[in-house]
Each structure stands twice: as structure tokens, then as C-alpha cells.
Amino acid sequence: MSESERPDRLSGREITIEDIRALSGPATPHFALQIRNRIARLVGDLPADHPVRAEGDREMQRLTALANHSGEPRGSG
């Protein structure tokens, strides 16, 4: 999966909550940080109180946590 975004997703139409969910829904730990970065670019220019920005922020937090819990324990327990 590439972190680059299709130009038509970034211009010409408003980003929706469904766009955020479509990106983040099938996330696996392996790709979680790449998807988080794509969402950050999509919502980065939206005001902090915008509902799509709020959903994007929640999903970015979830994806960060998902990446940190990949099922591969590291270090001493």
C-alpha cells in the first residue's frame, strides 16, 4: 500500500466521514501507520471543530494504538 493519495480525493469534493471510515476500517497493524498518515493529509486543512476532522483524529489515535499492538511482543515482560 502506498502512502500517496489519488489527486481526485484531495480536490474537487469535500472529504466525508465515510471516506475516513473506508480508509481506516480494513486496517491491519502492519499498515496502520501508513493509513494514519493518509488520513492526516486528508483532514489536515479542516478546522479543529469540523466533524470529519474529529472523526479523522479519533481514527488516527486508534490506528496508532493498533500499530503499537501488532501481536509481536517486544522487550522484557
PDB file of N, CA and C in Angstrom:
ATOM      1  N   MET A   1       0.847  -1.171   0.000  1.00  0.00           N
ATOM      2  CA  MET A   1       0.000   0.000   0.000  1.00  0.00           C
ATOM      3  C   MET A   1       0.893   1.235   0.000  1.00  0.00           C
ATOM      4  N   SER A   2       0.565   2.144  -0.830  1.00  0.00           N
ATOM      5  CA  SER A   2       1.322   3.387  -0.921  1.00  0.00           C
ATOM      6  C   SER A   2       0.703   4.438  -0.018  1.00  0.00           C
ATOM      7  N   GLU A   3       1.527   5.337   0.482  1.00  0.00           N
ATOM      8  CA  GLU A   3       1.000   6.446   1.270  1.00  0.00           C
ATOM      9  C   GLU A   3       0.530   7.584   0.381  1.00  0.00           C
ATOM     10  N   SER A   4       0.831   7.528  -0.903  1.00  0.00           N
ATOM     11  CA  SER A   4       0.402   8.613  -1.781  1.00  0.00           C
ATOM     12  C   SER A   4      -1.104   8.525  -1.999  1.00  0.00           C
ATOM     13  N   GLU A   5      -1.708   9.665  -2.135  1.00  0.00           N
ATOM     14  CA  GLU A   5      -3.151   9.740  -2.280  1.00  0.00           C
ATOM     15  C   GLU A   5      -3.502  10.116  -3.713  1.00  0.00           C
ATOM     16  N   ARG A   6      -4.613   9.606  -4.183  1.00  0.00           N
ATOM     17  CA  ARG A   6      -5.075   9.989  -5.512  1.00  0.00           C
ATOM     18  C   ARG A   6      -5.452  11.464  -5.488  1.00  0.00           C
ATOM     19  N   PRO A   7      -5.006  12.229  -6.483  1.00  0.00           N
ATOM     20  CA  PRO A   7      -5.305  13.674  -6.507  1.00  0.00           C
ATOM     21  C   PRO A   7      -6.791  13.991  -6.480  1.00  0.00           C
ATOM     22  N   ASP A   8      -7.620  13.142  -7.081  1.00  0.00           N
ATOM     23  CA  ASP A   8      -9.050  13.419  -7.101  1.00  0.00           C
ATOM     24  C   ASP A   8      -9.690  13.302  -5.721  1.00  0.00           C
ATOM     25  N   ARG A   9      -9.037  12.633  -4.794  1.00  0.00           N
ATOM     26  CA  ARG A   9      -9.563  12.569  -3.427  1.00  0.00           C
ATOM     27  C   ARG A   9      -9.224  13.827  -2.638  1.00  0.00           C
ATOM     28  N   LEU A  10      -8.208  14.541  -3.072  1.00  0.00           N
ATOM     29  CA  LEU A  10      -7.756  15.705  -2.324  1.00  0.00           C
ATOM     30  C   LEU A  10      -8.363  17.011  -2.823  1.00  0.00           C
ATOM     31  N   SER A  11      -8.930  17.009  -3.994  1.00  0.00           N
ATOM     32  CA  SER A  11      -9.506  18.245  -4.520  1.00  0.00           C
ATOM     33  C   SER A  11     -10.801  17.945  -5.261  1.00  0.00           C
ATOM     34  N   GLY A  12     -11.623  18.939  -5.352  1.00  0.00           N
ATOM     35  CA  GLY A  12     -12.838  18.796  -6.143  1.00  0.00           C
ATOM     36  C   GLY A  12     -14.061  18.380  -5.362  1.00  0.00           C
ATOM     37  N   ARG A  13     -13.887  17.810  -4.190  1.00  0.00           N
ATOM     38  CA  ARG A  13     -15.048  17.434  -3.391  1.00  0.00           C
ATOM     39  C   ARG A  13     -14.673  17.446  -1.921  1.00  0.00           C
ATOM     40  N   GLU A  14     -15.680  17.549  -1.104  1.00  0.00           N
ATOM     41  CA  GLU A  14     -15.467  17.592   0.342  1.00  0.00           C
ATOM     42  C   GLU A  14     -15.208  16.179   0.868  1.00  0.00           C
ATOM     43  N   ILE A  15     -14.254  16.067   1.780  1.00  0.00           N
ATOM     44  CA  ILE A  15     -13.960  14.795   2.425  1.00  0.00           C
ATOM     45  C   ILE A  15     -15.098  14.487   3.387  1.00  0.00           C
ATOM     46  N   THR A  16     -15.524  13.226   3.439  1.00  0.00           N
ATOM     47  CA  THR A  16     -16.635  12.836   4.303  1.00  0.00           C
ATOM     48  C   THR A  16     -16.164  11.871   5.391  1.00  0.00           C
ATOM     49  N   ILE A  17     -17.013  11.679   6.375  1.00  0.00           N
ATOM     50  CA  ILE A  17     -16.727  10.692   7.419  1.00  0.00           C
ATOM     51  C   ILE A  17     -16.625   9.310   6.794  1.00  0.00           C
ATOM     52  N   GLU A  18     -17.423   9.041   5.790  1.00  0.00           N
ATOM     53  CA  GLU A  18     -17.364   7.736   5.111  1.00  0.00           C
ATOM     54  C   GLU A  18     -16.013   7.521   4.431  1.00  0.00           C
ATOM     55  N   ASP A  19     -15.398   8.594   3.914  1.00  0.00           N
ATOM     56  CA  ASP A  19     -14.057   8.474   3.338  1.00  0.00           C
ATOM     57  C   ASP A  19     -13.061   8.014   4.405  1.00  0.00           C
ATOM     58  N   ILE A  20     -13.160   8.596   5.588  1.00  0.00           N
ATOM     59  CA  ILE A  20     -12.270   8.239   6.692  1.00  0.00           C
ATOM     60  C   ILE A  20     -12.494   6.781   7.084  1.00  0.00           C
ATOM     61  N   ARG A  21     -13.740   6.395   7.205  1.00  0.00           N
ATOM     62  CA  ARG A  21     -14.067   5.014   7.598  1.00  0.00           C
ATOM     63  C   ARG A  21     -13.647   4.011   6.534  1.00  0.00           C
ATOM     64  N   ALA A  22     -13.778   4.382   5.271  1.00  0.00           N
ATOM     65  CA  ALA A  22     -13.363   3.478   4.198  1.00  0.00           C
ATOM     66  C   ALA A  22     -11.861   3.231   4.233  1.00  0.00           C
ATOM     67  N   LEU A  23     -11.099   4.245   4.574  1.00  0.00           N
ATOM     68  CA  LEU A  23      -9.648   4.091   4.677  1.00  0.00           C
ATOM     69  C   LEU A  23      -9.244   3.296   5.908  1.00  0.00           C
ATOM     70  N   SER A  24      -9.855   3.591   7.039  1.00  0.00           N
ATOM     71  CA  SER A  24      -9.380   3.028   8.296  1.00  0.00           C
ATOM     72  C   SER A  24     -10.016   1.693   8.664  1.00  0.00           C
ATOM     73  N   GLY A  25     -11.176   1.402   8.128  1.00  0.00           N
ATOM     74  CA  GLY A  25     -11.887   0.180   8.505  1.00  0.00           C
ATOM     75  C   GLY A  25     -11.102  -1.105   8.345  1.00  0.00           C
ATOM     76  N   PRO A  26     -10.512  -1.351   7.188  1.00  0.00           N
ATOM     77  CA  PRO A  26      -9.811  -2.618   6.992  1.00  0.00           C
ATOM     78  C   PRO A  26      -8.347  -2.599   7.443  1.00  0.00           C
ATOM     79  N   ALA A  27      -7.971  -1.662   8.292  1.00  0.00           N
ATOM     80  CA  ALA A  27      -6.571  -1.509   8.699  1.00  0.00           C
ATOM     81  C   ALA A  27      -6.069  -2.720   9.466  1.00  0.00           C
ATOM     82  N   THR A  28      -4.850  -3.093   9.187  1.00  0.00           N
ATOM     83  CA  THR A  28      -4.141  -4.121   9.936  1.00  0.00           C
ATOM     84  C   THR A  28      -2.967  -3.450  10.641  1.00  0.00           C
ATOM     85  N   PRO A  29      -2.421  -4.074  11.668  1.00  0.00           N
ATOM     86  CA  PRO A  29      -1.282  -3.450  12.356  1.00  0.00           C
ATOM     87  C   PRO A  29      -0.138  -3.089  11.414  1.00  0.00           C
ATOM     88  N   HIS A  30       0.088  -3.920  10.429  1.00  0.00           N
ATOM     89  CA  HIS A  30       1.204  -3.690   9.510  1.00  0.00           C
ATOM     90  C   HIS A  30       1.062  -2.386   8.724  1.00  0.00           C
ATOM     91  N   PHE A  31      -0.159  -2.043   8.336  1.00  0.00           N
ATOM     92  CA  PHE A  31      -0.393  -0.853   7.518  1.00  0.00           C
ATOM     93  C   PHE A  31      -1.005   0.314   8.289  1.00  0.00           C
ATOM     94  N   ALA A  32      -1.204   0.172   9.579  1.00  0.00           N
ATOM     95  CA  ALA A  32      -1.917   1.183  10.356  1.00  0.00           C
ATOM     96  C   ALA A  32      -1.271   2.567  10.276  1.00  0.00           C
ATOM     97  N   LEU A  33       0.037   2.649  10.344  1.00  0.00           N
ATOM     98  CA  LEU A  33       0.686   3.960  10.331  1.00  0.00           C
ATOM     99  C   LEU A  33       0.619   4.612   8.952  1.00  0.00           C
ATOM    100  N   GLN A  34       0.672   3.825   7.899  1.00  0.00           N
ATOM    101  CA  GLN A  34       0.518   4.394   6.560  1.00  0.00           C
ATOM    102  C   GLN A  34      -0.888   4.955   6.371  1.00  0.00           C
ATOM    103  N   ILE A  35      -1.882   4.232   6.841  1.00  0.00           N
ATOM    104  CA  ILE A  35      -3.263   4.700   6.727  1.00  0.00           C
ATOM    105  C   ILE A  35      -3.457   5.943   7.587  1.00  0.00           C
ATOM    106  N   ARG A  36      -2.869   5.937   8.791  1.00  0.00           N
ATOM    107  CA  ARG A  36      -2.950   7.119   9.655  1.00  0.00           C
ATOM    108  C   ARG A  36      -2.397   8.351   8.942  1.00  0.00           C
ATOM    109  N   ASN A  37      -1.283   8.194   8.246  1.00  0.00           N
ATOM    110  CA  ASN A  37      -0.678   9.319   7.537  1.00  0.00           C
ATOM    111  C   ASN A  37      -1.571   9.810   6.398  1.00  0.00           C
ATOM    112  N   ARG A  38      -2.225   8.901   5.722  1.00  0.00           N
ATOM    113  CA  ARG A  38      -3.139   9.299   4.647  1.00  0.00           C
ATOM    114  C   ARG A  38      -4.317  10.090   5.210  1.00  0.00           C
ATOM    115  N   ILE A  39      -4.859   9.636   6.330  1.00  0.00           N
ATOM    116  CA  ILE A  39      -5.972  10.352   6.960  1.00  0.00           C
ATOM    117  C   ILE A  39      -5.514  11.727   7.421  1.00  0.00           C
ATOM    118  N   ALA A  40      -4.314  11.808   7.976  1.00  0.00           N
ATOM    119  CA  ALA A  40      -3.789  13.104   8.424  1.00  0.00           C
ATOM    120  C   ALA A  40      -3.724  14.096   7.273  1.00  0.00           C
ATOM    121  N   ARG A  41      -3.320  13.643   6.102  1.00  0.00           N
ATOM    122  CA  ARG A  41      -3.283  14.547   4.941  1.00  0.00           C
ATOM    123  C   ARG A  41      -4.684  14.953   4.500  1.00  0.00           C
ATOM    124  N   LEU A  42      -5.623  14.022   4.582  1.00  0.00           N
ATOM    125  CA  LEU A  42      -6.989  14.335   4.148  1.00  0.00           C
ATOM    126  C   LEU A  42      -7.663  15.360   5.056  1.00  0.00           C
ATOM    127  N   VAL A  43      -7.446  15.268   6.363  1.00  0.00           N
ATOM    128  CA  VAL A  43      -8.163  16.141   7.298  1.00  0.00           C
ATOM    129  C   VAL A  43      -7.322  17.319   7.784  1.00  0.00           C
ATOM    130  N   GLY A  44      -6.075  17.376   7.391  1.00  0.00           N
ATOM    131  CA  GLY A  44      -5.150  18.380   7.911  1.00  0.00           C
ATOM    132  C   GLY A  44      -5.571  19.820   7.718  1.00  0.00           C
ATOM    133  N   ASP A  45      -6.272  20.127   6.653  1.00  0.00           N
ATOM    134  CA  ASP A  45      -6.677  21.513   6.385  1.00  0.00           C
ATOM    135  C   ASP A  45      -8.057  21.862   6.943  1.00  0.00           C
ATOM    136  N   LEU A  46      -8.741  20.889   7.524  1.00  0.00           N
ATOM    137  CA  LEU A  46     -10.073  21.146   8.073  1.00  0.00           C
ATOM    138  C   LEU A  46      -9.956  21.821   9.440  1.00  0.00           C
ATOM    139  N   PRO A  47     -10.931  22.668   9.798  1.00  0.00           N
ATOM    140  CA  PRO A  47     -10.916  23.289  11.130  1.00  0.00           C
ATOM    141  C   PRO A  47     -11.033  22.220  12.226  1.00  0.00           C
ATOM    142  N   ALA A  48     -10.503  22.511  13.398  1.00  0.00           N
ATOM    143  CA  ALA A  48     -10.480  21.559  14.507  1.00  0.00           C
ATOM    144  C   ALA A  48     -11.889  21.124  14.929  1.00  0.00           C
ATOM    145  N   ASP A  49     -12.888  21.970  14.742  1.00  0.00           N
ATOM    146  CA  ASP A  49     -14.247  21.627  15.172  1.00  0.00           C
ATOM    147  C   ASP A  49     -15.090  20.971  14.066  1.00  0.00           C
ATOM    148  N   HIS A  50     -14.487  20.685  12.934  1.00  0.00           N
ATOM    149  CA  HIS A  50     -15.203  20.052  11.821  1.00  0.00           C
ATOM    150  C   HIS A  50     -15.453  18.574  12.170  1.00  0.00           C
ATOM    151  N   PRO A  51     -16.657  18.053  11.937  1.00  0.00           N
ATOM    152  CA  PRO A  51     -16.954  16.661  12.299  1.00  0.00           C
ATOM    153  C   PRO A  51     -16.055  15.642  11.599  1.00  0.00           C
ATOM    154  N   VAL A  52     -15.680  15.901  10.357  1.00  0.00           N
ATOM    155  CA  VAL A  52     -14.795  14.979   9.644  1.00  0.00           C
ATOM    156  C   VAL A  52     -13.401  15.003  10.267  1.00  0.00           C
ATOM    157  N   ARG A  53     -12.961  16.173  10.686  1.00  0.00           N
ATOM    158  CA  ARG A  53     -11.656  16.287  11.352  1.00  0.00           C
ATOM    159  C   ARG A  53     -11.681  15.515  12.670  1.00  0.00           C
ATOM    160  N   ALA A  54     -12.776  15.644  13.421  1.00  0.00           N
ATOM    161  CA  ALA A  54     -12.898  14.930  14.695  1.00  0.00           C
ATOM    162  C   ALA A  54     -12.855  13.421  14.476  1.00  0.00           C
ATOM    163  N   GLU A  55     -13.558  12.937  13.470  1.00  0.00           N
ATOM    164  CA  GLU A  55     -13.535  11.503  13.158  1.00  0.00           C
ATOM    165  C   GLU A  55     -12.135  11.076  12.724  1.00  0.00           C
ATOM    166  N   GLY A  56     -11.493  11.894  11.922  1.00  0.00           N
ATOM    167  CA  GLY A  56     -10.132  11.595  11.487  1.00  0.00           C
ATOM    168  C   GLY A  56      -9.162  11.525  12.656  1.00  0.00           C
ATOM    169  N   ASP A  57      -9.299  12.452  13.595  1.00  0.00           N
ATOM    170  CA  ASP A  57      -8.435  12.443  14.778  1.00  0.00           C
ATOM    171  C   ASP A  57      -8.648  11.182  15.609  1.00  0.00           C
ATOM    172  N   ARG A  58      -9.914  10.783  15.784  1.00  0.00           N
ATOM    173  CA  ARG A  58     -10.205   9.547  16.533  1.00  0.00           C
ATOM    174  C   ARG A  58      -9.598   8.333  15.838  1.00  0.00           C
ATOM    175  N   GLU A  59      -9.756   8.274  14.529  1.00  0.00           N
ATOM    176  CA  GLU A  59      -9.230   7.133  13.790  1.00  0.00           C
ATOM    177  C   GLU A  59      -7.703   7.118  13.793  1.00  0.00           C
ATOM    178  N   MET A  60      -7.079   8.288  13.741  1.00  0.00           N
ATOM    179  CA  MET A  60      -5.611   8.333  13.794  1.00  0.00           C
ATOM    180  C   MET A  60      -5.109   7.813  15.140  1.00  0.00           C
ATOM    181  N   GLN A  61      -5.805   8.144  16.221  1.00  0.00           N
ATOM    182  CA  GLN A  61      -5.426   7.613  17.532  1.00  0.00           C
ATOM    183  C   GLN A  61      -5.597   6.104  17.576  1.00  0.00           C
ATOM    184  N   ARG A  62      -6.698   5.614  17.030  1.00  0.00           N
ATOM    185  CA  ARG A  62      -6.952   4.169  17.013  1.00  0.00           C
ATOM    186  C   ARG A  62      -5.899   3.440  16.188  1.00  0.00           C
ATOM    187  N   LEU A  63      -5.542   4.015  15.056  1.00  0.00           N
ATOM    188  CA  LEU A  63      -4.549   3.383  14.193  1.00  0.00           C
ATOM    189  C   LEU A  63      -3.163   3.371  14.838  1.00  0.00           C
ATOM    190  N   THR A  64      -2.826   4.425  15.560  1.00  0.00           N
ATOM    191  CA  THR A  64      -1.553   4.456  16.273  1.00  0.00           C
ATOM    192  C   THR A  64      -1.525   3.348  17.323  1.00  0.00           C
ATOM    193  N   ALA A  65      -2.608   3.196  18.054  1.00  0.00           N
ATOM    194  CA  ALA A  65      -2.686   2.127  19.056  1.00  0.00           C
ATOM    195  C   ALA A  65      -2.628   0.757  18.389  1.00  0.00           C
ATOM    196  N   LEU A  66      -3.301   0.602  17.266  1.00  0.00           N
ATOM    197  CA  LEU A  66      -3.283  -0.666  16.545  1.00  0.00           C
ATOM    198  C   LEU A  66      -1.870  -1.022  16.116  1.00  0.00           C
ATOM    199  N   ALA A  67      -1.132  -0.055  15.633  1.00  0.00           N
ATOM    200  CA  ALA A  67       0.252  -0.301  15.195  1.00  0.00           C
ATOM    201  C   ALA A  67       1.140  -0.704  16.366  1.00  0.00           C
ATOM    202  N   ASN A  68       0.853  -0.173  17.547  1.00  0.00           N
ATOM    203  CA  ASN A  68       1.657  -0.493  18.721  1.00  0.00           C
ATOM    204  C   ASN A  68       1.315  -1.849  19.320  1.00  0.00           C
ATOM    205  N   HIS A  69       0.230  -2.445  18.902  1.00  0.00           N
ATOM    206  CA  HIS A  69      -0.204  -3.746  19.426  1.00  0.00           C
ATOM    207  C   HIS A  69      -0.312  -4.752  18.295  1.00  0.00           C
ATOM    208  N   SER A  70       0.807  -4.981  17.655  1.00  0.00           N
ATOM    209  CA  SER A  70       0.797  -5.821  16.467  1.00  0.00           C
ATOM    210  C   SER A  70       0.763  -7.312  16.783  1.00  0.00           C
ATOM    211  N   GLY A  71       0.773  -7.665  18.068  1.00  0.00           N
ATOM    212  CA  GLY A  71       0.767  -9.075  18.409  1.00  0.00           C
ATOM    213  C   GLY A  71       2.167  -9.668  18.511  1.00  0.00           C
ATOM    214  N   GLU A  72       3.162  -8.853  18.310  1.00  0.00           N
ATOM    215  CA  GLU A  72       4.541  -9.312  18.422  1.00  0.00           C
ATOM    216  C   GLU A  72       5.154  -8.667  19.660  1.00  0.00           C
ATOM    217  N   PRO A  73       5.119  -9.351  20.790  1.00  0.00           N
ATOM    218  CA  PRO A  73       5.670  -8.751  21.992  1.00  0.00           C
ATOM    219  C   PRO A  73       7.158  -8.472  21.856  1.00  0.00           C
ATOM    220  N   ARG A  74       7.563  -7.323  22.323  1.00  0.00           N
ATOM    221  CA  ARG A  74       8.963  -6.939  22.241  1.00  0.00           C
ATOM    222  C   ARG A  74       9.450  -6.556  23.633  1.00  0.00           C
ATOM    223  N   GLY A  75      10.721  -6.754  23.870  1.00  0.00           N
ATOM    224  CA  GLY A  75      11.299  -6.391  25.145  1.00  0.00           C
ATOM    225  C   GLY A  75      10.967  -7.387  26.223  1.00  0.00           C
ATOM    226  N   SER A  76      11.394  -7.086  27.430  1.00  0.00           N
ATOM    227  CA  SER A  76      11.131  -7.995  28.540  1.00  0.00           C
ATOM    228  C   SER A  76       9.765  -7.700  29.135  1.00  0.00           C
ATOM    229  N   GLY A  77       9.096  -8.740  29.566  1.00  0.00           N
ATOM    230  CA  GLY A  77       7.765  -8.576  30.117  1.00  0.00           C
ATOM    231  C   GLY A  77       7.838  -8.419  31.546  1.00  0.00           C
TER     232      GLY A  77
END
